[in-house]
N, C-alpha and C. Protein backbone atom coordinates (compact mmCIF):
# COMPACT_ATOMS: atom_id res chain seq x y z
N MET A 1 0.90 -1.00 -0.30
CA MET A 1 -0.08 0.16 0.06
C MET A 1 0.89 1.67 -0.27
N THR A 2 0.14 2.09 -0.82
CA THR A 2 0.99 3.57 -0.94
C THR A 2 0.27 5.07 -0.78
N THR A 3 0.93 5.94 -0.43
CA THR A 3 -0.18 7.07 -0.55
C THR A 3 0.58 7.68 -1.80
N LYS A 4 -1.08 8.58 -1.76
CA LYS A 4 -0.34 9.66 -3.00
C LYS A 4 -0.82 11.21 -2.41
N LEU A 5 0.16 11.66 -2.18
CA LEU A 5 -0.29 13.39 -1.64
C LEU A 5 -1.54 14.53 -2.71
N VAL A 6 -2.25 14.17 -2.08
CA VAL A 6 -3.73 15.14 -2.68
C VAL A 6 -3.48 17.05 -2.47
N LYS A 7 -3.51 16.53 -1.12
CA LYS A 7 -3.04 18.74 -1.55
C LYS A 7 -3.17 18.63 0.25
N GLU A 8 -2.21 19.87 0.67
CA GLU A 8 -1.62 20.24 1.31
C GLU A 8 -2.09 21.77 1.84
N THR A 9 -3.02 21.66 3.18
CA THR A 9 -2.87 23.28 3.13
C THR A 9 -2.22 24.15 3.69
N ILE A 10 -1.30 25.00 4.04
CA ILE A 10 -0.70 25.20 4.67
C ILE A 10 -0.62 27.11 5.05
N GLU A 11 -0.87 27.46 6.69
CA GLU A 11 -1.33 28.76 6.94
C GLU A 11 -0.21 29.10 6.91
N ARG A 12 -0.15 30.67 6.94
CA ARG A 12 1.02 31.65 6.81
C ARG A 12 0.58 32.81 7.66
N THR A 13 1.56 32.92 8.97
CA THR A 13 1.14 34.04 9.68
C THR A 13 2.41 34.71 10.55
N LEU A 14 2.53 35.42 10.80
CA LEU A 14 3.28 36.31 11.59
C LEU A 14 3.34 36.25 13.11
N ASN A 15 4.99 35.99 13.23
CA ASN A 15 4.88 35.70 14.83
C ASN A 15 4.98 36.98 15.54
N GLU A 16 5.95 37.24 17.15
CA GLU A 16 5.80 38.32 17.59
C GLU A 16 7.11 39.14 16.62
N LEU A 17 7.86 38.16 16.70
CA LEU A 17 8.46 39.25 15.73
C LEU A 17 8.31 39.60 14.47
N GLN A 18 7.12 39.78 13.81
CA GLN A 18 7.05 39.92 12.70
C GLN A 18 7.58 38.85 11.45
N GLU A 19 7.86 38.31 11.88
CA GLU A 19 8.57 36.86 11.11
C GLU A 19 7.32 36.07 10.57
N GLU A 20 7.42 35.61 9.22
CA GLU A 20 6.38 34.91 8.73
C GLU A 20 6.60 32.77 8.77
N VAL A 21 5.65 32.68 9.88
CA VAL A 21 5.28 31.46 10.06
C VAL A 21 5.04 30.43 9.49
N GLU A 22 5.21 29.46 8.68
CA GLU A 22 4.07 28.49 7.90
C GLU A 22 4.17 27.16 8.35
N LYS A 23 2.62 26.79 8.61
CA LYS A 23 2.15 25.58 9.60
C LYS A 23 1.32 25.05 8.50
N THR A 24 1.69 23.99 8.47
CA THR A 24 0.71 22.62 7.97
C THR A 24 -0.64 22.57 8.42
N VAL A 25 -1.91 22.67 8.38
CA VAL A 25 -2.92 22.81 9.01
C VAL A 25 -4.37 22.07 8.87
N SER A 26 -3.89 21.24 7.25
CA SER A 26 -4.46 19.71 7.15
C SER A 26 -4.00 19.44 5.66
N ILE A 27 -3.94 18.14 5.43
CA ILE A 27 -3.28 17.18 4.59
C ILE A 27 -4.08 16.30 4.10
N GLU A 28 -4.35 15.95 2.85
CA GLU A 28 -5.13 14.62 1.98
C GLU A 28 -4.16 13.58 0.96
N TYR A 29 -5.04 12.70 1.60
CA TYR A 29 -4.05 11.53 0.40
C TYR A 29 -4.87 10.54 -0.06
N ASN A 30 -4.43 10.33 -0.68
CA ASN A 30 -4.95 8.89 -1.79
C ASN A 30 -4.20 7.59 -1.10
N ILE A 31 -5.09 6.58 -1.05
CA ILE A 31 -4.65 5.40 -0.63
C ILE A 31 -4.55 4.31 -1.70
N LEU A 32 -3.76 3.59 -2.26
CA LEU A 32 -3.28 3.02 -3.80
C LEU A 32 -3.16 2.10 -2.92
N ASP A 33 -3.73 1.18 -3.62
CA ASP A 33 -2.68 -0.69 -3.66
C ASP A 33 -1.62 -0.90 -4.43
N GLU A 34 -1.07 -2.15 -4.35
CA GLU A 34 0.14 -2.25 -5.01
C GLU A 34 -0.43 -2.20 -6.78
N ASN A 35 -1.69 -2.41 -7.26
CA ASN A 35 -1.60 -2.05 -8.56
C ASN A 35 -1.53 -0.56 -8.70
N GLU A 36 -1.62 0.30 -8.15
CA GLU A 36 -2.01 2.18 -8.04
C GLU A 36 -3.18 2.32 -7.78
N ASN A 37 -4.44 1.48 -7.63
CA ASN A 37 -5.63 1.75 -7.71
C ASN A 37 -6.11 2.60 -6.55
N GLN A 38 -6.69 3.41 -6.91
CA GLN A 38 -6.98 4.46 -5.59
C GLN A 38 -8.10 3.14 -4.22
N VAL A 39 -7.89 3.07 -3.38
CA VAL A 39 -8.89 2.17 -2.48
C VAL A 39 -8.97 2.32 -1.30
N GLY A 40 -8.93 3.86 -0.97
CA GLY A 40 -9.15 4.86 0.20
C GLY A 40 -8.43 6.07 0.15
N SER A 41 -9.06 7.49 1.11
CA SER A 41 -8.56 8.37 1.01
C SER A 41 -7.98 8.47 2.68
N ALA A 42 -7.34 9.58 3.12
CA ALA A 42 -6.93 9.96 4.34
C ALA A 42 -6.98 11.43 4.44
N HIS A 43 -7.72 12.04 5.66
CA HIS A 43 -7.84 13.42 5.45
C HIS A 43 -7.29 13.73 6.92
N ILE A 44 -5.81 14.12 7.38
CA ILE A 44 -5.51 14.83 8.59
C ILE A 44 -5.30 16.13 8.47
N SER A 45 -6.18 16.44 9.87
CA SER A 45 -6.68 18.45 9.86
C SER A 45 -6.19 18.38 11.49
N GLN A 46 -5.84 19.64 11.59
CA GLN A 46 -5.89 19.63 13.37
C GLN A 46 -6.90 20.02 14.20
N HIS A 47 -8.08 19.55 13.36
CA HIS A 47 -8.99 19.04 14.27
C HIS A 47 -9.35 17.58 14.20
N GLY A 48 -8.60 16.51 13.92
CA GLY A 48 -9.00 15.09 13.72
C GLY A 48 -8.55 14.58 12.31
N VAL A 49 -8.75 13.62 12.20
CA VAL A 49 -8.72 12.01 11.39
C VAL A 49 -9.82 11.50 10.90
N ASN A 50 -10.06 11.27 9.31
CA ASN A 50 -10.90 10.39 8.61
C ASN A 50 -9.79 9.69 7.81
N ILE A 51 -10.42 8.31 8.05
CA ILE A 51 -9.76 7.67 6.53
C ILE A 51 -10.58 6.99 6.15
N SER A 52 -11.01 6.98 5.28
CA SER A 52 -12.10 6.38 4.24
C SER A 52 -11.47 4.65 3.45
N LEU A 53 -12.58 3.67 3.52
CA LEU A 53 -11.88 2.81 2.51
C LEU A 53 -12.86 2.46 1.92
N TYR A 54 -12.88 2.44 0.41
CA TYR A 54 -13.36 1.96 -0.69
C TYR A 54 -13.50 0.17 -0.88
N GLY A 55 -15.07 0.13 -1.52
CA GLY A 55 -15.19 -1.33 -1.63
C GLY A 55 -16.38 -1.94 -0.95
N SER A 56 -16.35 -3.04 -1.42
CA SER A 56 -17.49 -3.69 -0.75
C SER A 56 -17.38 -4.56 0.17
N GLU A 57 -16.46 -5.20 0.21
CA GLU A 57 -16.29 -6.63 1.21
C GLU A 57 -14.52 -5.82 1.58
N PHE A 58 -14.51 -6.28 2.92
CA PHE A 58 -13.03 -6.17 3.26
C PHE A 58 -12.12 -7.39 4.37
N ASP A 59 -11.10 -7.44 4.10
CA ASP A 59 -10.18 -8.82 5.01
C ASP A 59 -10.07 -7.49 5.90
N ILE A 60 -10.56 -7.43 7.00
CA ILE A 60 -10.08 -6.68 8.24
C ILE A 60 -8.88 -6.74 8.73
N ASN A 61 -8.57 -8.25 8.89
CA ASN A 61 -6.95 -8.18 9.53
C ASN A 61 -5.88 -7.17 8.24
N ASP A 62 -6.34 -8.13 6.65
CA ASP A 62 -5.73 -7.04 6.14
C ASP A 62 -5.43 -5.63 6.19
N TRP A 63 -6.78 -5.13 6.63
CA TRP A 63 -6.55 -3.65 6.70
C TRP A 63 -6.06 -3.06 7.83
N VAL A 64 -5.91 -3.79 8.97
CA VAL A 64 -5.71 -3.48 10.27
C VAL A 64 -4.24 -3.02 9.87
N GLY A 65 -3.52 -4.32 9.56
CA GLY A 65 -1.89 -4.29 9.06
C GLY A 65 -1.71 -3.25 7.96
N ARG A 66 -2.67 -2.84 7.11
CA ARG A 66 -2.08 -1.80 5.96
C ARG A 66 -2.15 -0.22 6.26
N LEU A 67 -3.00 -0.24 7.57
CA LEU A 67 -3.04 1.11 8.56
C LEU A 67 -2.21 1.16 9.37
N ASN A 68 -1.99 0.23 9.84
CA ASN A 68 -0.40 0.17 10.84
C ASN A 68 0.44 0.64 10.01
N ASP A 69 0.68 0.28 9.05
CA ASP A 69 1.61 0.75 8.35
C ASP A 69 1.71 1.76 7.77
N PHE A 70 0.07 2.29 7.51
CA PHE A 70 0.48 3.92 6.76
C PHE A 70 0.22 4.39 8.00
N LEU A 71 -0.06 4.24 9.41
CA LEU A 71 0.16 5.41 10.29
C LEU A 71 1.40 5.17 10.91
N ASN A 72 2.44 4.02 10.56
CA ASN A 72 3.73 3.76 11.15
C ASN A 72 3.23 3.81 12.64
N VAL A 73 2.64 2.55 12.81
CA VAL A 73 1.60 2.78 13.87
C VAL A 73 2.50 1.51 14.68
N GLU A 74 2.99 1.76 15.89
CA GLU A 74 4.30 0.26 16.81
C GLU A 74 3.35 0.34 17.60
N GLU A 75 3.42 -1.40 18.45
CA GLU A 75 2.67 -1.85 19.58
C GLU A 75 3.57 -1.54 20.44
N GLU A 76 2.95 -0.94 21.58
CA GLU A 76 3.59 -0.67 22.55
C GLU A 76 3.63 -2.36 23.84
N VAL A 77 4.67 -2.67 24.30
CA VAL A 77 4.58 -3.87 25.01
C VAL A 77 5.45 -3.45 26.45
N GLU A 78 3.82 -3.59 26.67
CA GLU A 78 4.01 -3.93 28.38
C GLU A 78 4.86 -4.25 29.10
N GLU A 79 6.44 -4.65 29.39
CA GLU A 79 7.23 -5.12 29.97
C GLU A 79 7.13 -5.47 31.69
N VAL A 80 6.51 -6.57 31.65
CA VAL A 80 6.11 -7.01 33.55
C VAL A 80 7.46 -7.87 34.38
N GLU A 81 7.78 -6.26 35.60
CA GLU A 81 8.58 -7.33 35.96
C GLU A 81 8.80 -8.29 37.27
N VAL A 82 9.11 -9.45 37.07
CA VAL A 82 9.14 -10.75 38.08
C VAL A 82 9.36 -10.29 39.34
């Protein structure tokens, strides 16, 4: 699975020293399968995240893996002291 940038919204403001500061306030990606077909989209903003998957049937375990890869999520492992 890969992603393709669709749109990035950048806000430009002035700080206390009247210097221009750029900040990304939202970004949108298309989610592509291994054949470059769009299978979903992701919109990430300062207000939240929306991930949409396209299709009629899903292999849930497959999509969990794909979304973890997309988000670069690593499972936290708690060590138990004995």
